[in-house]
Amino acid sequence: MNIKYSKDEDILLLEISDGKIDYAEEDGPIIIHYSEGHKPVLIEILEASKILTSALESKAKINKNTVLTK
């Protein structure tokens, strides 16, 4: 896996494989590029800093409210 970030465009790229991209599907700020065999090749996260900050804040809230029991 190869990870790249474009600060100018605020896009995080996760290269999953070396496969040739055949098509892509977009769901909000996430675009997944697939090979002809329907395997993920590349994941783009648009507005990456906003998305990741929000995810980390949510995770921190969950951890803060979690009570560990033995």
N, C-alpha and C. Protein backbone atom coordinates (compact mmCIF):
# COMPACT_ATOMS: atom_id res chain seq x y z
N MET A 1 0.84 -1.17 0.00
CA MET A 1 0.00 0.00 0.00
C MET A 1 0.89 1.24 0.00
N ASN A 2 0.47 2.23 -0.76
CA ASN A 2 1.18 3.49 -0.84
C ASN A 2 0.22 4.60 -0.43
N ILE A 3 0.67 5.52 0.41
CA ILE A 3 -0.17 6.61 0.89
C ILE A 3 0.44 7.93 0.46
N LYS A 4 -0.38 8.79 -0.14
CA LYS A 4 0.06 10.11 -0.56
C LYS A 4 -0.96 11.15 -0.09
N TYR A 5 -0.46 12.35 0.22
CA TYR A 5 -1.34 13.43 0.64
C TYR A 5 -0.98 14.69 -0.14
N SER A 6 -1.98 15.34 -0.71
CA SER A 6 -1.79 16.61 -1.40
C SER A 6 -2.31 17.71 -0.48
N LYS A 7 -1.38 18.44 0.10
CA LYS A 7 -1.77 19.54 1.01
C LYS A 7 -2.52 20.63 0.26
N ASP A 8 -2.08 20.93 -0.97
CA ASP A 8 -2.73 21.98 -1.76
C ASP A 8 -4.19 21.68 -2.05
N GLU A 9 -4.49 20.41 -2.31
CA GLU A 9 -5.86 20.02 -2.65
C GLU A 9 -6.58 19.33 -1.50
N ASP A 10 -5.87 19.05 -0.41
CA ASP A 10 -6.41 18.37 0.77
C ASP A 10 -7.06 17.03 0.39
N ILE A 11 -6.28 16.23 -0.35
CA ILE A 11 -6.74 14.91 -0.80
C ILE A 11 -5.76 13.85 -0.31
N LEU A 12 -6.30 12.82 0.33
CA LEU A 12 -5.50 11.68 0.76
C LEU A 12 -5.72 10.55 -0.23
N LEU A 13 -4.64 9.99 -0.76
CA LEU A 13 -4.70 8.89 -1.72
C LEU A 13 -4.14 7.63 -1.08
N LEU A 14 -4.92 6.57 -1.11
CA LEU A 14 -4.49 5.27 -0.59
C LEU A 14 -4.43 4.31 -1.77
N GLU A 15 -3.23 4.02 -2.23
CA GLU A 15 -3.06 3.09 -3.35
C GLU A 15 -3.04 1.67 -2.80
N ILE A 16 -4.09 0.93 -3.08
CA ILE A 16 -4.26 -0.42 -2.53
C ILE A 16 -3.50 -1.45 -3.35
N SER A 17 -3.49 -1.29 -4.67
CA SER A 17 -2.81 -2.25 -5.52
C SER A 17 -2.27 -1.55 -6.77
N ASP A 18 -1.54 -2.31 -7.57
CA ASP A 18 -0.98 -1.79 -8.82
C ASP A 18 -1.93 -2.01 -9.99
N GLY A 19 -3.12 -2.50 -9.73
CA GLY A 19 -4.06 -2.82 -10.80
C GLY A 19 -4.45 -1.61 -11.63
N LYS A 20 -4.90 -1.89 -12.84
CA LYS A 20 -5.36 -0.84 -13.74
C LYS A 20 -6.78 -0.43 -13.33
N ILE A 21 -7.01 0.86 -13.23
CA ILE A 21 -8.33 1.37 -12.84
C ILE A 21 -9.29 1.26 -14.02
N ASP A 22 -10.45 0.66 -13.75
CA ASP A 22 -11.48 0.49 -14.77
C ASP A 22 -12.65 1.46 -14.55
N TYR A 23 -13.03 1.65 -13.29
CA TYR A 23 -14.15 2.54 -12.99
C TYR A 23 -14.04 3.01 -11.54
N ALA A 24 -14.86 3.98 -11.19
CA ALA A 24 -14.83 4.52 -9.82
C ALA A 24 -16.25 4.73 -9.33
N GLU A 25 -16.40 4.67 -8.01
CA GLU A 25 -17.68 4.97 -7.36
C GLU A 25 -17.42 6.02 -6.29
N GLU A 26 -18.31 7.00 -6.24
CA GLU A 26 -18.16 8.10 -5.29
C GLU A 26 -19.29 8.06 -4.27
N ASP A 27 -18.91 8.22 -3.00
CA ASP A 27 -19.89 8.30 -1.91
C ASP A 27 -19.47 9.47 -1.03
N GLY A 28 -20.05 10.63 -1.28
CA GLY A 28 -19.67 11.83 -0.55
C GLY A 28 -18.23 12.18 -0.85
N PRO A 29 -17.41 12.37 0.19
CA PRO A 29 -16.02 12.77 -0.04
C PRO A 29 -15.07 11.61 -0.31
N ILE A 30 -15.60 10.41 -0.50
CA ILE A 30 -14.75 9.24 -0.73
C ILE A 30 -15.01 8.67 -2.12
N ILE A 31 -13.92 8.49 -2.87
CA ILE A 31 -14.00 7.91 -4.21
C ILE A 31 -13.15 6.64 -4.21
N ILE A 32 -13.76 5.53 -4.59
CA ILE A 32 -13.04 4.26 -4.67
C ILE A 32 -12.93 3.87 -6.14
N HIS A 33 -11.70 3.64 -6.58
CA HIS A 33 -11.42 3.23 -7.95
C HIS A 33 -11.21 1.72 -7.95
N TYR A 34 -11.85 1.05 -8.91
CA TYR A 34 -11.83 -0.41 -8.98
C TYR A 34 -11.18 -0.89 -10.28
N SER A 35 -10.65 -2.10 -10.22
CA SER A 35 -10.12 -2.76 -11.41
C SER A 35 -11.28 -3.38 -12.19
N GLU A 36 -10.97 -3.90 -13.34
CA GLU A 36 -11.98 -4.59 -14.15
C GLU A 36 -12.58 -5.76 -13.38
N GLY A 37 -11.79 -6.37 -12.49
CA GLY A 37 -12.26 -7.49 -11.68
C GLY A 37 -12.96 -7.06 -10.40
N HIS A 38 -13.32 -5.80 -10.30
CA HIS A 38 -14.06 -5.23 -9.17
C HIS A 38 -13.28 -5.21 -7.86
N LYS A 39 -11.95 -5.18 -7.95
CA LYS A 39 -11.10 -5.09 -6.76
C LYS A 39 -10.68 -3.64 -6.56
N PRO A 40 -10.70 -3.14 -5.30
CA PRO A 40 -10.26 -1.76 -5.06
C PRO A 40 -8.79 -1.57 -5.43
N VAL A 41 -8.52 -0.48 -6.15
CA VAL A 41 -7.16 -0.14 -6.56
C VAL A 41 -6.69 1.12 -5.84
N LEU A 42 -7.57 2.11 -5.75
CA LEU A 42 -7.21 3.41 -5.19
C LEU A 42 -8.40 3.98 -4.43
N ILE A 43 -8.13 4.56 -3.26
CA ILE A 43 -9.16 5.26 -2.49
C ILE A 43 -8.72 6.71 -2.35
N GLU A 44 -9.61 7.62 -2.74
CA GLU A 44 -9.36 9.06 -2.60
C GLU A 44 -10.27 9.58 -1.49
N ILE A 45 -9.72 10.33 -0.58
CA ILE A 45 -10.51 10.99 0.45
C ILE A 45 -10.38 12.49 0.23
N LEU A 46 -11.46 13.10 -0.24
CA LEU A 46 -11.49 14.54 -0.47
C LEU A 46 -11.72 15.26 0.85
N GLU A 47 -11.23 16.48 0.97
CA GLU A 47 -11.33 17.23 2.23
C GLU A 47 -10.79 16.37 3.39
N ALA A 48 -9.65 15.75 3.15
CA ALA A 48 -9.09 14.76 4.07
C ALA A 48 -8.88 15.30 5.47
N SER A 49 -8.36 16.51 5.61
CA SER A 49 -8.09 17.02 6.96
C SER A 49 -9.38 17.17 7.76
N LYS A 50 -10.45 17.59 7.10
CA LYS A 50 -11.75 17.73 7.77
C LYS A 50 -12.31 16.35 8.17
N ILE A 51 -12.25 15.41 7.24
CA ILE A 51 -12.79 14.07 7.48
C ILE A 51 -12.00 13.37 8.60
N LEU A 52 -10.68 13.40 8.53
CA LEU A 52 -9.86 12.70 9.52
C LEU A 52 -9.93 13.37 10.89
N THR A 53 -9.98 14.69 10.93
CA THR A 53 -10.12 15.39 12.21
C THR A 53 -11.43 15.01 12.88
N SER A 54 -12.49 14.99 12.10
CA SER A 54 -13.81 14.61 12.62
C SER A 54 -13.80 13.17 13.14
N ALA A 55 -13.18 12.26 12.38
CA ALA A 55 -13.11 10.85 12.80
C ALA A 55 -12.31 10.70 14.09
N LEU A 56 -11.21 11.41 14.19
CA LEU A 56 -10.38 11.32 15.41
C LEU A 56 -11.08 11.91 16.61
N GLU A 57 -11.82 13.01 16.41
CA GLU A 57 -12.57 13.61 17.51
C GLU A 57 -13.66 12.66 17.99
N SER A 58 -14.33 12.00 17.06
CA SER A 58 -15.37 11.04 17.43
C SER A 58 -14.77 9.88 18.20
N LYS A 59 -13.63 9.38 17.75
CA LYS A 59 -12.94 8.27 18.43
C LYS A 59 -12.53 8.68 19.84
N ALA A 60 -12.04 9.92 19.99
CA ALA A 60 -11.63 10.40 21.31
C ALA A 60 -12.83 10.49 22.26
N LYS A 61 -13.97 10.91 21.74
CA LYS A 61 -15.18 10.99 22.57
C LYS A 61 -15.62 9.60 23.02
N ILE A 62 -15.55 8.65 22.10
CA ILE A 62 -15.93 7.27 22.44
C ILE A 62 -14.99 6.73 23.52
N ASN A 63 -13.68 6.90 23.33
CA ASN A 63 -12.71 6.41 24.31
C ASN A 63 -12.90 7.08 25.66
N LYS A 64 -13.22 8.35 25.68
CA LYS A 64 -13.39 9.08 26.94
C LYS A 64 -14.60 8.55 27.71
N ASN A 65 -15.62 8.13 26.99
CA ASN A 65 -16.85 7.66 27.63
C ASN A 65 -16.87 6.16 27.89
N THR A 66 -15.84 5.45 27.49
CA THR A 66 -15.79 4.01 27.67
C THR A 66 -15.25 3.66 29.05
N VAL A 67 -15.97 2.80 29.74
CA VAL A 67 -15.53 2.35 31.06
C VAL A 67 -14.98 0.94 30.90
N LEU A 68 -13.75 0.76 31.30
CA LEU A 68 -13.13 -0.57 31.21
C LEU A 68 -13.46 -1.37 32.46
N THR A 69 -13.85 -2.61 32.26
CA THR A 69 -14.14 -3.49 33.39
C THR A 69 -13.26 -4.73 33.27
N LYS A 70 -12.98 -5.34 34.40
CA LYS A 70 -12.19 -6.57 34.39
C LYS A 70 -13.07 -7.77 34.52
